[in-house]
Each structure stands twice: as C-alpha cells, then as structure tokens.
C-alpha atoms as a PDB file:
ATOM      1  CA  MET A   1       3.228 -25.297  -7.162  1.00  0.00           C
ATOM      2  CA  SER A   2       3.290 -21.528  -6.833  1.00  0.00           C
ATOM      3  CA  LEU A   3       4.907 -19.852  -3.849  1.00  0.00           C
ATOM      4  CA  GLU A   4       2.881 -16.655  -4.254  1.00  0.00           C
ATOM      5  CA  ARG A   5       1.012 -15.667  -1.110  1.00  0.00           C
ATOM      6  CA  PHE A   6      -1.244 -12.728  -0.408  1.00  0.00           C
ATOM      7  CA  LEU A   7      -2.343 -10.914   2.724  1.00  0.00           C
ATOM      8  CA  LYS A   8      -6.052 -10.197   3.090  1.00  0.00           C
ATOM      9  CA  VAL A   9      -8.280  -8.444   5.589  1.00  0.00           C
ATOM     10  CA  VAL A  10     -11.480 -10.489   5.980  1.00  0.00           C
ATOM     11  CA  ASN A  11     -14.081  -9.129   8.433  1.00  0.00           C
ATOM     12  CA  GLY A  12     -11.337  -7.265  10.296  1.00  0.00           C
ATOM     13  CA  ASN A  13      -9.107 -10.352  10.570  1.00  0.00           C
ATOM     14  CA  VAL A  14      -5.752 -10.704   8.798  1.00  0.00           C
ATOM     15  CA  VAL A  15      -5.091 -13.921   6.879  1.00  0.00           C
ATOM     16  CA  LEU A  16      -2.436 -15.192   4.494  1.00  0.00           C
ATOM     17  CA  VAL A  17      -3.773 -17.064   1.463  1.00  0.00           C
ATOM     18  CA  ASN A  18      -2.085 -18.770  -1.468  1.00  0.00           C
ATOM     19  CA  ILE A  19      -2.832 -18.058  -5.129  1.00  0.00           C
ATOM     20  CA  GLN A  20      -5.730 -20.572  -5.103  1.00  0.00           C
ATOM     21  CA  GLY A  21      -7.354 -18.710  -2.186  1.00  0.00           C
ATOM     22  CA  ASN A  22      -6.658 -21.398   0.404  1.00  0.00           C
ATOM     23  CA  LEU A  23      -5.891 -20.248   3.935  1.00  0.00           C
ATOM     24  CA  VAL A  24      -2.206 -20.616   4.842  1.00  0.00           C
ATOM     25  CA  ARG A  25      -2.028 -18.735   8.151  1.00  0.00           C
ATOM     26  CA  THR A  26      -4.093 -16.423  10.340  1.00  0.00           C
ATOM     27  CA  TYR A  27      -2.073 -13.508  11.693  1.00  0.00           C
ATOM     28  CA  TYR A  28      -4.689 -11.485  13.582  1.00  0.00           C
ATOM     29  CA  LYS A  29      -8.176 -12.414  14.839  1.00  0.00           C
ATOM     30  CA  LYS A  30      -9.486  -9.466  16.860  1.00  0.00           C
ATOM     31  CA  GLY A  31     -11.681  -8.156  14.047  1.00  0.00           C
ATOM     32  CA  ASP A  32     -10.577  -4.505  13.995  1.00  0.00           C
ATOM     33  CA  ALA A  33      -7.900  -4.512  11.272  1.00  0.00           C
ATOM     34  CA  SER A  34      -8.440  -2.105   8.400  1.00  0.00           C
ATOM     35  CA  ARG A  35      -5.230  -2.571   6.367  1.00  0.00           C
ATOM     36  CA  VAL A  36      -2.282  -4.956   6.171  1.00  0.00           C
ATOM     37  CA  ASP A  37       1.091  -4.869   4.390  1.00  0.00           C
ATOM     38  CA  TRP A  38       4.256  -6.905   4.547  1.00  0.00           C
ATOM     39  CA  TYR A  39       6.752  -5.453   7.021  1.00  0.00           C
ATOM     40  CA  SER A  40       9.408  -8.011   6.069  1.00  0.00           C
ATOM     41  CA  GLU A  41       8.354 -10.569   3.488  1.00  0.00           C
ATOM     42  CA  LYS A  42      11.554 -12.560   4.054  1.00  0.00           C
ATOM     43  CA  GLU A  43      10.798 -12.961   7.787  1.00  0.00           C
ATOM     44  CA  GLU A  44       7.029 -13.140   7.132  1.00  0.00           C
ATOM     45  CA  SER A  45       6.231 -10.270   9.500  1.00  0.00           C
ATOM     46  CA  VAL A  46       3.309  -7.947   8.798  1.00  0.00           C
ATOM     47  CA  LEU A  47       2.308  -4.351   9.553  1.00  0.00           C
ATOM     48  CA  ILE A  48      -1.370  -4.072  10.497  1.00  0.00           C
ATOM     49  CA  GLN A  49      -3.287  -0.809  10.772  1.00  0.00           C
ATOM     50  CA  LEU A  50      -6.203  -1.033  13.194  1.00  0.00           C
ATOM     51  CA  SER A  51      -9.482   0.877  12.966  1.00  0.00           C
ATOM     52  CA  SER A  52      -8.432   2.877  16.066  1.00  0.00           C
ATOM     53  CA  GLY A  53      -5.486   4.334  14.117  1.00  0.00           C
ATOM     54  CA  LYS A  54      -2.802   2.294  15.885  1.00  0.00           C
ATOM     55  CA  SER A  55      -0.423   0.095  13.932  1.00  0.00           C
ATOM     56  CA  ILE A  56       1.129  -3.157  15.093  1.00  0.00           C
ATOM     57  CA  ILE A  57       3.880  -5.334  13.694  1.00  0.00           C
ATOM     58  CA  LEU A  58       3.404  -9.079  14.093  1.00  0.00           C
ATOM     59  CA  ASN A  59       5.865 -11.887  13.430  1.00  0.00           C
ATOM     60  CA  LYS A  60       4.883 -15.070  11.585  1.00  0.00           C
ATOM     61  CA  ASN A  61       3.774 -16.740  14.834  1.00  0.00           C
ATOM     62  CA  GLY A  62       1.370 -13.910  15.658  1.00  0.00           C
ATOM     63  CA  GLY A  63       3.528 -12.349  18.371  1.00  0.00           C
ATOM     64  CA  VAL A  64       3.580  -8.568  18.692  1.00  0.00           C
ATOM     65  CA  VAL A  65       6.978  -7.159  17.747  1.00  0.00           C
ATOM     66  CA  ARG A  66       6.113  -3.464  18.012  1.00  0.00           C
ATOM     67  CA  THR A  67       3.087  -1.201  18.561  1.00  0.00           C
ATOM     68  CA  ILE A  68       3.144   2.157  16.795  1.00  0.00           C
END
C-alpha cells in the first residue's frame, strides 16, 4: 500500500486523493479555489488560493487557520 497522496482542485473544490485516484478527504467545497499546495505536509494543512485573490490555510479537519 502506497502512502502517496495528492492535492487536486476539481471544479473549484480541493480534494486529497491517493495514488489510485480514490478520494481520501475533501478540504474545501465552496467551488472558488484556483490553486492548492501543502502548507505543512506533516500536519496535513493546505494553502488554498481562491479566484478572488485571497489565500486561506486550512487544517486537516477543514478549519480555517489563517486568511491571507
């Protein structure tokens, strides 16, 4: 079993998928995300850039840590 996971933006939503393409977790569901990167892969927090130009940092439970 591989532990590799990837972040994807699908229709403006941010999801985490495994190497087989199966959904592991949904981070963001508002539909206006344009880019996503790991903020801290160890803590599983992500940095999401929205289409409005704002950026938000979410923890692995989907809670907002910081808005930039």
